[in-house]
Amino acid sequence: MIARLALVAASIIALVGGLAGGTASADAPPADPRPRLVILTIETSAEDLARSFERDLEAQLETMRVPFLARARLRAQMRKSTKWTEGCVVGACLTEIRAQTGAGVALLAALTGSGTTFGYVITLVRTDTGRVLDQEAERCDVCTESEAMGSAVLAAVKLVNALPDRLPDEAAEQGAAVEVAVHATERRHAAERQGTRRAGWALTLIGLAAATAGTVLYLTDGDRPAYGLAAAGGGGLAVGGITVLVF
């Protein structure tokens, strides 16, 4: 009897534990998605300016709920890679960032200037092809460094916000463009061949008609030399037309 009660108690405890575990799993936040954006480089005249820009940009990205990797975290993840090195900002070398982090887009920022003249260039680059997706650039001749940095952050947010949920398949688009060009060339060649055949048939028919008329007149008229030339000329036209048709 005691053994049976112990078994029932153990079953109840296991059931309660399972329900509690299920509730915890249901309430747990979903796993973080793989990052879609990496902040790859921030070029400035001073590192504290770069950190300030990155901090403001990160705050905006978090508000937008855009998954991203900051520069420090990116470098930490790329340390285990033997195929990537600092300085890779465009081209095929970016595929290693995609392989290690899953990010599809890299952000590059350049903030320049001094005194009252400042400028920025914000660039988004695909990590699968290394090609530039979009870019914003501006120069301000009369503004403060803080104003210029704020404008640069807004420009970066604008570019990121315009990103599609799914990047276009460039390979498929290029293949479609090549196919369209091939079809256009084939249609043009077909039209040219049709025009050439028409000209060939016209030459052949005119030549045969002239040769026939010249031959008949040559045989029926006493002034044969002139008609002989007409027959010969018509025959030449016919031969020319046939040549065009054959070749």
C-alpha atoms as a PDB file:
ATOM      1  CA  MET A   1       0.000   0.000   0.000  1.00  0.00           C
ATOM      2  CA  ILE A   2       2.793   2.407   0.928  1.00  0.00           C
ATOM      3  CA  ALA A   3       4.639   1.559  -2.280  1.00  0.00           C
ATOM      4  CA  ARG A   4       1.505   2.250  -4.318  1.00  0.00           C
ATOM      5  CA  LEU A   5       0.991   5.635  -2.599  1.00  0.00           C
ATOM      6  CA  ALA A   6       4.635   6.551  -3.255  1.00  0.00           C
ATOM      7  CA  LEU A   7       4.208   5.682  -6.933  1.00  0.00           C
ATOM      8  CA  VAL A   8       1.065   7.849  -7.229  1.00  0.00           C
ATOM      9  CA  ALA A   9       2.814  10.744  -5.470  1.00  0.00           C
ATOM     10  CA  ALA A  10       5.781  10.468  -7.829  1.00  0.00           C
ATOM     11  CA  SER A  11       3.440  10.510 -10.827  1.00  0.00           C
ATOM     12  CA  ILE A  12       1.673  13.624  -9.554  1.00  0.00           C
ATOM     13  CA  ILE A  13       4.995  15.385  -8.961  1.00  0.00           C
ATOM     14  CA  ALA A  14       6.174  14.481 -12.466  1.00  0.00           C
ATOM     15  CA  LEU A  15       2.913  15.715 -13.985  1.00  0.00           C
ATOM     16  CA  VAL A  16       3.090  19.035 -12.124  1.00  0.00           C
ATOM     17  CA  GLY A  17       6.714  19.450 -13.107  1.00  0.00           C
ATOM     18  CA  GLY A  18       5.897  18.782 -16.752  1.00  0.00           C
ATOM     19  CA  LEU A  19       3.098  21.353 -16.714  1.00  0.00           C
ATOM     20  CA  ALA A  20       5.382  23.903 -15.094  1.00  0.00           C
ATOM     21  CA  GLY A  21       8.080  23.201 -17.644  1.00  0.00           C
ATOM     22  CA  GLY A  22       5.606  23.555 -20.506  1.00  0.00           C
ATOM     23  CA  THR A  23       4.426  26.909 -19.144  1.00  0.00           C
ATOM     24  CA  ALA A  24       7.976  28.134 -18.811  1.00  0.00           C
ATOM     25  CA  SER A  25       8.737  27.093 -22.387  1.00  0.00           C
ATOM     26  CA  ALA A  26       5.619  28.841 -23.648  1.00  0.00           C
ATOM     27  CA  ASP A  27       6.461  32.031 -21.766  1.00  0.00           C
ATOM     28  CA  ALA A  28      10.131  32.017 -22.795  1.00  0.00           C
ATOM     29  CA  PRO A  29      11.046  34.534 -25.522  1.00  0.00           C
ATOM     30  CA  PRO A  30      11.759  33.063 -28.937  1.00  0.00           C
ATOM     31  CA  ALA A  31      15.345  32.517 -29.947  1.00  0.00           C
ATOM     32  CA  ASP A  32      17.027  35.595 -31.357  1.00  0.00           C
ATOM     33  CA  PRO A  33      16.897  35.605 -35.152  1.00  0.00           C
ATOM     34  CA  ARG A  34      20.171  35.527 -37.027  1.00  0.00           C
ATOM     35  CA  PRO A  35      21.405  39.086 -37.531  1.00  0.00           C
ATOM     36  CA  ARG A  36      20.348  40.782 -40.716  1.00  0.00           C
ATOM     37  CA  LEU A  37      22.722  43.706 -40.395  1.00  0.00           C
ATOM     38  CA  VAL A  38      26.301  44.162 -39.247  1.00  0.00           C
ATOM     39  CA  ILE A  39      27.956  47.490 -38.513  1.00  0.00           C
ATOM     40  CA  LEU A  40      31.181  46.771 -40.339  1.00  0.00           C
ATOM     41  CA  THR A  41      33.210  49.989 -40.315  1.00  0.00           C
ATOM     42  CA  ILE A  42      32.903  53.523 -38.967  1.00  0.00           C
ATOM     43  CA  GLU A  43      35.631  55.813 -40.260  1.00  0.00           C
ATOM     44  CA  THR A  44      36.051  59.080 -38.356  1.00  0.00           C
ATOM     45  CA  SER A  45      38.799  61.416 -37.267  1.00  0.00           C
ATOM     46  CA  ALA A  46      38.348  60.309 -33.642  1.00  0.00           C
ATOM     47  CA  GLU A  47      37.352  56.997 -32.082  1.00  0.00           C
ATOM     48  CA  ASP A  48      35.097  58.653 -29.510  1.00  0.00           C
ATOM     49  CA  LEU A  49      33.071  60.124 -32.387  1.00  0.00           C
ATOM     50  CA  ALA A  50      32.794  56.653 -33.930  1.00  0.00           C
ATOM     51  CA  ARG A  51      31.580  55.221 -30.620  1.00  0.00           C
ATOM     52  CA  SER A  52      29.042  58.012 -30.237  1.00  0.00           C
ATOM     53  CA  PHE A  53      27.723  57.446 -33.748  1.00  0.00           C
ATOM     54  CA  GLU A  54      27.492  53.708 -33.201  1.00  0.00           C
ATOM     55  CA  ARG A  55      25.741  54.133 -29.857  1.00  0.00           C
ATOM     56  CA  ASP A  56      23.104  56.433 -31.358  1.00  0.00           C
ATOM     57  CA  LEU A  57      22.644  54.144 -34.363  1.00  0.00           C
ATOM     58  CA  GLU A  58      22.264  51.067 -32.167  1.00  0.00           C
ATOM     59  CA  ALA A  59      19.594  52.821 -30.113  1.00  0.00           C
ATOM     60  CA  GLN A  60      17.655  53.567 -33.291  1.00  0.00           C
ATOM     61  CA  LEU A  61      18.028  50.006 -34.593  1.00  0.00           C
ATOM     62  CA  GLU A  62      16.803  48.581 -31.301  1.00  0.00           C
ATOM     63  CA  THR A  63      13.754  50.862 -31.452  1.00  0.00           C
ATOM     64  CA  MET A  64      13.109  49.610 -35.002  1.00  0.00           C
ATOM     65  CA  ARG A  65      13.654  46.019 -33.802  1.00  0.00           C
ATOM     66  CA  VAL A  66      16.223  45.441 -36.505  1.00  0.00           C
ATOM     67  CA  PRO A  67      18.554  42.546 -35.620  1.00  0.00           C
ATOM     68  CA  PHE A  68      22.170  43.696 -35.882  1.00  0.00           C
ATOM     69  CA  LEU A  69      25.703  43.074 -34.755  1.00  0.00           C
ATOM     70  CA  ALA A  70      27.825  45.901 -33.397  1.00  0.00           C
ATOM     71  CA  ARG A  71      31.467  46.210 -34.437  1.00  0.00           C
ATOM     72  CA  ALA A  72      32.906  44.710 -31.256  1.00  0.00           C
ATOM     73  CA  ARG A  73      30.611  41.699 -31.364  1.00  0.00           C
ATOM     74  CA  LEU A  74      31.298  41.201 -35.044  1.00  0.00           C
ATOM     75  CA  ARG A  75      35.062  41.147 -34.459  1.00  0.00           C
ATOM     76  CA  ALA A  76      34.590  38.670 -31.640  1.00  0.00           C
ATOM     77  CA  GLN A  77      32.656  36.302 -33.890  1.00  0.00           C
ATOM     78  CA  MET A  78      35.082  36.696 -36.797  1.00  0.00           C
ATOM     79  CA  ARG A  79      38.130  35.781 -34.698  1.00  0.00           C
ATOM     80  CA  LYS A  80      37.447  32.097 -35.294  1.00  0.00           C
ATOM     81  CA  SER A  81      37.494  32.605 -39.048  1.00  0.00           C
ATOM     82  CA  THR A  82      40.685  31.921 -40.982  1.00  0.00           C
ATOM     83  CA  LYS A  83      39.302  33.418 -44.210  1.00  0.00           C
ATOM     84  CA  TRP A  84      38.542  36.997 -43.192  1.00  0.00           C
ATOM     85  CA  THR A  85      40.693  39.954 -42.239  1.00  0.00           C
ATOM     86  CA  GLU A  86      40.219  43.613 -41.368  1.00  0.00           C
ATOM     87  CA  GLY A  87      39.898  45.810 -44.418  1.00  0.00           C
ATOM     88  CA  CYS A  88      37.300  43.660 -46.140  1.00  0.00           C
ATOM     89  CA  VAL A  89      34.477  46.083 -46.900  1.00  0.00           C
ATOM     90  CA  VAL A  90      33.287  45.128 -50.402  1.00  0.00           C
ATOM     91  CA  GLY A  91      33.562  42.170 -52.733  1.00  0.00           C
ATOM     92  CA  ALA A  92      33.629  38.420 -52.353  1.00  0.00           C
ATOM     93  CA  CYS A  93      35.471  38.513 -49.006  1.00  0.00           C
ATOM     94  CA  LEU A  94      32.210  39.562 -47.339  1.00  0.00           C
ATOM     95  CA  THR A  95      30.790  36.087 -47.894  1.00  0.00           C
ATOM     96  CA  GLU A  96      32.781  34.942 -44.884  1.00  0.00           C
ATOM     97  CA  ILE A  97      30.901  37.428 -42.685  1.00  0.00           C
ATOM     98  CA  ARG A  98      27.666  35.934 -43.972  1.00  0.00           C
ATOM     99  CA  ALA A  99      28.941  32.413 -43.279  1.00  0.00           C
ATOM    100  CA  GLN A 100      29.997  33.229 -39.709  1.00  0.00           C
ATOM    101  CA  THR A 101      27.159  35.548 -38.627  1.00  0.00           C
ATOM    102  CA  GLY A 102      24.273  34.951 -41.027  1.00  0.00           C
ATOM    103  CA  ALA A 103      24.072  38.693 -41.729  1.00  0.00           C
ATOM    104  CA  GLY A 104      22.843  39.627 -45.178  1.00  0.00           C
ATOM    105  CA  VAL A 105      23.802  43.317 -45.120  1.00  0.00           C
ATOM    106  CA  ALA A 106      26.852  45.235 -43.895  1.00  0.00           C
ATOM    107  CA  LEU A 107      26.776  48.934 -42.991  1.00  0.00           C
ATOM    108  CA  LEU A 108      29.771  51.170 -43.688  1.00  0.00           C
ATOM    109  CA  ALA A 109      29.923  54.719 -42.334  1.00  0.00           C
ATOM    110  CA  ALA A 110      32.432  57.475 -43.039  1.00  0.00           C
ATOM    111  CA  LEU A 111      32.225  60.748 -41.076  1.00  0.00           C
ATOM    112  CA  THR A 112      34.625  63.479 -42.126  1.00  0.00           C
ATOM    113  CA  GLY A 113      35.224  67.183 -41.604  1.00  0.00           C
ATOM    114  CA  SER A 114      36.429  69.815 -39.191  1.00  0.00           C
ATOM    115  CA  GLY A 115      35.524  73.322 -38.081  1.00  0.00           C
ATOM    116  CA  THR A 116      32.060  73.995 -39.487  1.00  0.00           C
ATOM    117  CA  THR A 117      32.294  71.741 -42.549  1.00  0.00           C
ATOM    118  CA  PHE A 118      31.321  68.103 -42.147  1.00  0.00           C
ATOM    119  CA  GLY A 119      30.120  65.286 -44.352  1.00  0.00           C
ATOM    120  CA  TYR A 120      29.168  61.660 -44.255  1.00  0.00           C
ATOM    121  CA  VAL A 121      28.777  58.635 -46.502  1.00  0.00           C
ATOM    122  CA  ILE A 122      26.595  55.732 -45.374  1.00  0.00           C
ATOM    123  CA  THR A 123      26.721  52.598 -47.511  1.00  0.00           C
ATOM    124  CA  LEU A 124      24.869  49.285 -47.360  1.00  0.00           C
ATOM    125  CA  VAL A 125      26.587  46.293 -48.965  1.00  0.00           C
ATOM    126  CA  ARG A 126      25.287  42.772 -49.594  1.00  0.00           C
ATOM    127  CA  THR A 127      27.381  40.115 -47.890  1.00  0.00           C
ATOM    128  CA  ASP A 128      26.514  37.390 -50.410  1.00  0.00           C
ATOM    129  CA  THR A 129      27.713  39.246 -53.516  1.00  0.00           C
ATOM    130  CA  GLY A 130      29.760  42.093 -52.031  1.00  0.00           C
ATOM    131  CA  ARG A 131      27.806  44.599 -54.111  1.00  0.00           C
ATOM    132  CA  VAL A 132      26.530  47.972 -52.938  1.00  0.00           C
ATOM    133  CA  LEU A 133      22.812  47.966 -52.161  1.00  0.00           C
ATOM    134  CA  ASP A 134      22.259  51.644 -51.417  1.00  0.00           C
ATOM    135  CA  GLN A 135      24.082  54.749 -50.294  1.00  0.00           C
ATOM    136  CA  GLU A 136      23.461  58.154 -48.732  1.00  0.00           C
ATOM    137  CA  ALA A 137      26.006  60.960 -48.845  1.00  0.00           C
ATOM    138  CA  GLU A 138      25.829  64.605 -47.811  1.00  0.00           C
ATOM    139  CA  ARG A 139      28.042  67.545 -46.952  1.00  0.00           C
ATOM    140  CA  CYS A 140      27.251  70.472 -44.688  1.00  0.00           C
ATOM    141  CA  ASP A 141      29.390  73.601 -44.989  1.00  0.00           C
ATOM    142  CA  VAL A 142      27.952  75.366 -41.948  1.00  0.00           C
ATOM    143  CA  CYS A 143      26.999  72.999 -39.118  1.00  0.00           C
ATOM    144  CA  THR A 144      28.349  71.515 -35.935  1.00  0.00           C
ATOM    145  CA  GLU A 145      29.886  68.089 -35.534  1.00  0.00           C
ATOM    146  CA  SER A 146      26.920  66.990 -33.449  1.00  0.00           C
ATOM    147  CA  GLU A 147      24.450  68.093 -36.125  1.00  0.00           C
ATOM    148  CA  ALA A 148      26.403  66.286 -38.826  1.00  0.00           C
ATOM    149  CA  MET A 149      26.527  63.108 -36.760  1.00  0.00           C
ATOM    150  CA  GLY A 150      22.785  63.295 -36.120  1.00  0.00           C
ATOM    151  CA  SER A 151      22.159  63.643 -39.851  1.00  0.00           C
ATOM    152  CA  ALA A 152      24.414  60.658 -40.521  1.00  0.00           C
ATOM    153  CA  VAL A 153      22.481  58.506 -38.033  1.00  0.00           C
ATOM    154  CA  LEU A 154      19.181  59.504 -39.652  1.00  0.00           C
ATOM    155  CA  ALA A 155      20.608  58.679 -43.086  1.00  0.00           C
ATOM    156  CA  ALA A 156      21.670  55.236 -41.851  1.00  0.00           C
ATOM    157  CA  VAL A 157      18.224  54.635 -40.338  1.00  0.00           C
ATOM    158  CA  LYS A 158      16.597  55.678 -43.619  1.00  0.00           C
ATOM    159  CA  LEU A 159      18.686  53.171 -45.586  1.00  0.00           C
ATOM    160  CA  VAL A 160      18.071  50.336 -43.138  1.00  0.00           C
ATOM    161  CA  ASN A 161      14.366  51.087 -42.977  1.00  0.00           C
ATOM    162  CA  ALA A 162      14.168  50.855 -46.776  1.00  0.00           C
ATOM    163  CA  LEU A 163      15.668  47.372 -46.837  1.00  0.00           C
ATOM    164  CA  PRO A 164      13.283  44.709 -48.154  1.00  0.00           C
ATOM    165  CA  ASP A 165      12.393  41.757 -45.955  1.00  0.00           C
ATOM    166  CA  ARG A 166      13.974  39.567 -48.603  1.00  0.00           C
ATOM    167  CA  LEU A 167      16.908  40.693 -50.716  1.00  0.00           C
ATOM    168  CA  PRO A 168      16.372  40.337 -54.467  1.00  0.00           C
ATOM    169  CA  ASP A 169      17.911  37.326 -56.170  1.00  0.00           C
ATOM    170  CA  GLU A 170      20.548  39.047 -58.289  1.00  0.00           C
ATOM    171  CA  ALA A 171      21.587  35.838 -60.031  1.00  0.00           C
ATOM    172  CA  ALA A 172      18.021  35.182 -61.163  1.00  0.00           C
ATOM    173  CA  GLU A 173      17.586  38.787 -62.296  1.00  0.00           C
ATOM    174  CA  GLN A 174      20.818  38.675 -64.285  1.00  0.00           C
ATOM    175  CA  GLY A 175      19.762  35.367 -65.845  1.00  0.00           C
ATOM    176  CA  ALA A 176      16.404  36.850 -66.826  1.00  0.00           C
ATOM    177  CA  ALA A 177      18.122  39.896 -68.323  1.00  0.00           C
ATOM    178  CA  VAL A 178      20.443  37.667 -70.362  1.00  0.00           C
ATOM    179  CA  GLU A 179      17.482  35.603 -71.547  1.00  0.00           C
ATOM    180  CA  VAL A 180      15.631  38.744 -72.661  1.00  0.00           C
ATOM    181  CA  ALA A 181      18.731  39.959 -74.524  1.00  0.00           C
ATOM    182  CA  VAL A 182      19.147  36.572 -76.229  1.00  0.00           C
ATOM    183  CA  HIS A 183      15.491  36.515 -77.328  1.00  0.00           C
ATOM    184  CA  ALA A 184      15.780  40.075 -78.651  1.00  0.00           C
ATOM    185  CA  THR A 185      18.887  39.129 -80.646  1.00  0.00           C
ATOM    186  CA  GLU A 186      17.192  36.028 -82.018  1.00  0.00           C
ATOM    187  CA  ARG A 187      14.159  38.072 -83.098  1.00  0.00           C
ATOM    188  CA  ARG A 188      16.390  40.633 -84.787  1.00  0.00           C
ATOM    189  CA  HIS A 189      18.330  37.932 -86.637  1.00  0.00           C
ATOM    190  CA  ALA A 190      15.081  36.261 -87.694  1.00  0.00           C
ATOM    191  CA  ALA A 191      13.785  39.563 -89.057  1.00  0.00           C
ATOM    192  CA  GLU A 192      17.065  40.124 -90.912  1.00  0.00           C
ATOM    193  CA  ARG A 193      16.934  36.618 -92.399  1.00  0.00           C
ATOM    194  CA  GLN A 194      13.324  37.152 -93.482  1.00  0.00           C
ATOM    195  CA  GLY A 195      14.235  40.433 -95.168  1.00  0.00           C
ATOM    196  CA  THR A 196      17.182  38.790 -96.910  1.00  0.00           C
ATOM    197  CA  ARG A 197      14.999  35.934 -98.181  1.00  0.00           C
ATOM    198  CA  ARG A 198      12.460  38.389 -99.544  1.00  0.00           C
ATOM    199  CA  ALA A 199      15.192  40.251-101.397  1.00  0.00           C
ATOM    200  CA  GLY A 200      16.537  36.947-102.720  1.00  0.00           C
ATOM    201  CA  TRP A 201      13.118  35.869-104.000  1.00  0.00           C
ATOM    202  CA  ALA A 202      12.578  39.278-105.589  1.00  0.00           C
ATOM    203  CA  LEU A 203      15.935  39.117-107.394  1.00  0.00           C
ATOM    204  CA  THR A 204      15.280  35.572-108.515  1.00  0.00           C
ATOM    205  CA  LEU A 205      11.788  36.260-109.866  1.00  0.00           C
ATOM    206  CA  ILE A 206      12.818  39.509-111.591  1.00  0.00           C
ATOM    207  CA  GLY A 207      15.882  37.823-113.058  1.00  0.00           C
ATOM    208  CA  LEU A 208      13.891  34.841-114.325  1.00  0.00           C
ATOM    209  CA  ALA A 209      11.271  37.140-115.848  1.00  0.00           C
ATOM    210  CA  ALA A 210      13.922  39.247-117.563  1.00  0.00           C
ATOM    211  CA  ALA A 211      15.818  36.204-118.764  1.00  0.00           C
ATOM    212  CA  THR A 212      12.651  34.582-120.105  1.00  0.00           C
ATOM    213  CA  ALA A 213      11.528  37.744-121.891  1.00  0.00           C
ATOM    214  CA  GLY A 214      14.973  38.330-123.325  1.00  0.00           C
ATOM    215  CA  THR A 215      15.255  34.752-124.519  1.00  0.00           C
ATOM    216  CA  VAL A 216      11.841  34.830-126.227  1.00  0.00           C
ATOM    217  CA  LEU A 217      12.596  38.097-127.975  1.00  0.00           C
ATOM    218  CA  TYR A 218      16.057  36.884-128.914  1.00  0.00           C
ATOM    219  CA  LEU A 219      14.597  33.851-130.604  1.00  0.00           C
ATOM    220  CA  THR A 220      11.760  35.691-132.369  1.00  0.00           C
ATOM    221  CA  ASP A 221      13.388  38.939-133.400  1.00  0.00           C
ATOM    222  CA  GLY A 222      16.111  39.456-135.936  1.00  0.00           C
ATOM    223  CA  ASP A 223      17.932  42.075-133.821  1.00  0.00           C
ATOM    224  CA  ARG A 224      19.255  39.432-131.513  1.00  0.00           C
ATOM    225  CA  PRO A 225      22.355  40.929-129.884  1.00  0.00           C
ATOM    226  CA  ALA A 226      20.400  43.431-127.726  1.00  0.00           C
ATOM    227  CA  TYR A 227      17.939  40.787-126.566  1.00  0.00           C
ATOM    228  CA  GLY A 228      20.821  38.475-125.822  1.00  0.00           C
ATOM    229  CA  LEU A 229      22.190  41.039-123.399  1.00  0.00           C
ATOM    230  CA  ALA A 230      18.769  41.298-121.749  1.00  0.00           C
ATOM    231  CA  ALA A 231      18.584  37.534-121.368  1.00  0.00           C
ATOM    232  CA  ALA A 232      22.108  37.385-119.946  1.00  0.00           C
ATOM    233  CA  GLY A 233      21.362  40.215-117.498  1.00  0.00           C
ATOM    234  CA  GLY A 234      18.147  38.552-116.345  1.00  0.00           C
ATOM    235  CA  GLY A 235      19.983  35.312-115.841  1.00  0.00           C
ATOM    236  CA  GLY A 236      22.571  37.101-113.742  1.00  0.00           C
ATOM    237  CA  LEU A 237      19.891  38.579-111.535  1.00  0.00           C
ATOM    238  CA  ALA A 238      18.284  35.169-111.118  1.00  0.00           C
ATOM    239  CA  VAL A 239      21.624  33.613-110.166  1.00  0.00           C
ATOM    240  CA  GLY A 240      22.231  36.408-107.674  1.00  0.00           C
ATOM    241  CA  GLY A 241      18.828  35.884-106.103  1.00  0.00           C
ATOM    242  CA  ILE A 242      19.354  32.140-105.812  1.00  0.00           C
ATOM    243  CA  THR A 243      22.746  32.760-104.196  1.00  0.00           C
ATOM    244  CA  VAL A 244      21.126  35.032-101.613  1.00  0.00           C
ATOM    245  CA  LEU A 245      18.500  32.369-100.840  1.00  0.00           C
ATOM    246  CA  VAL A 246      21.069  29.616-100.481  1.00  0.00           C
ATOM    247  CA  PHE A 247      23.540  31.486 -98.311  1.00  0.00           C
END
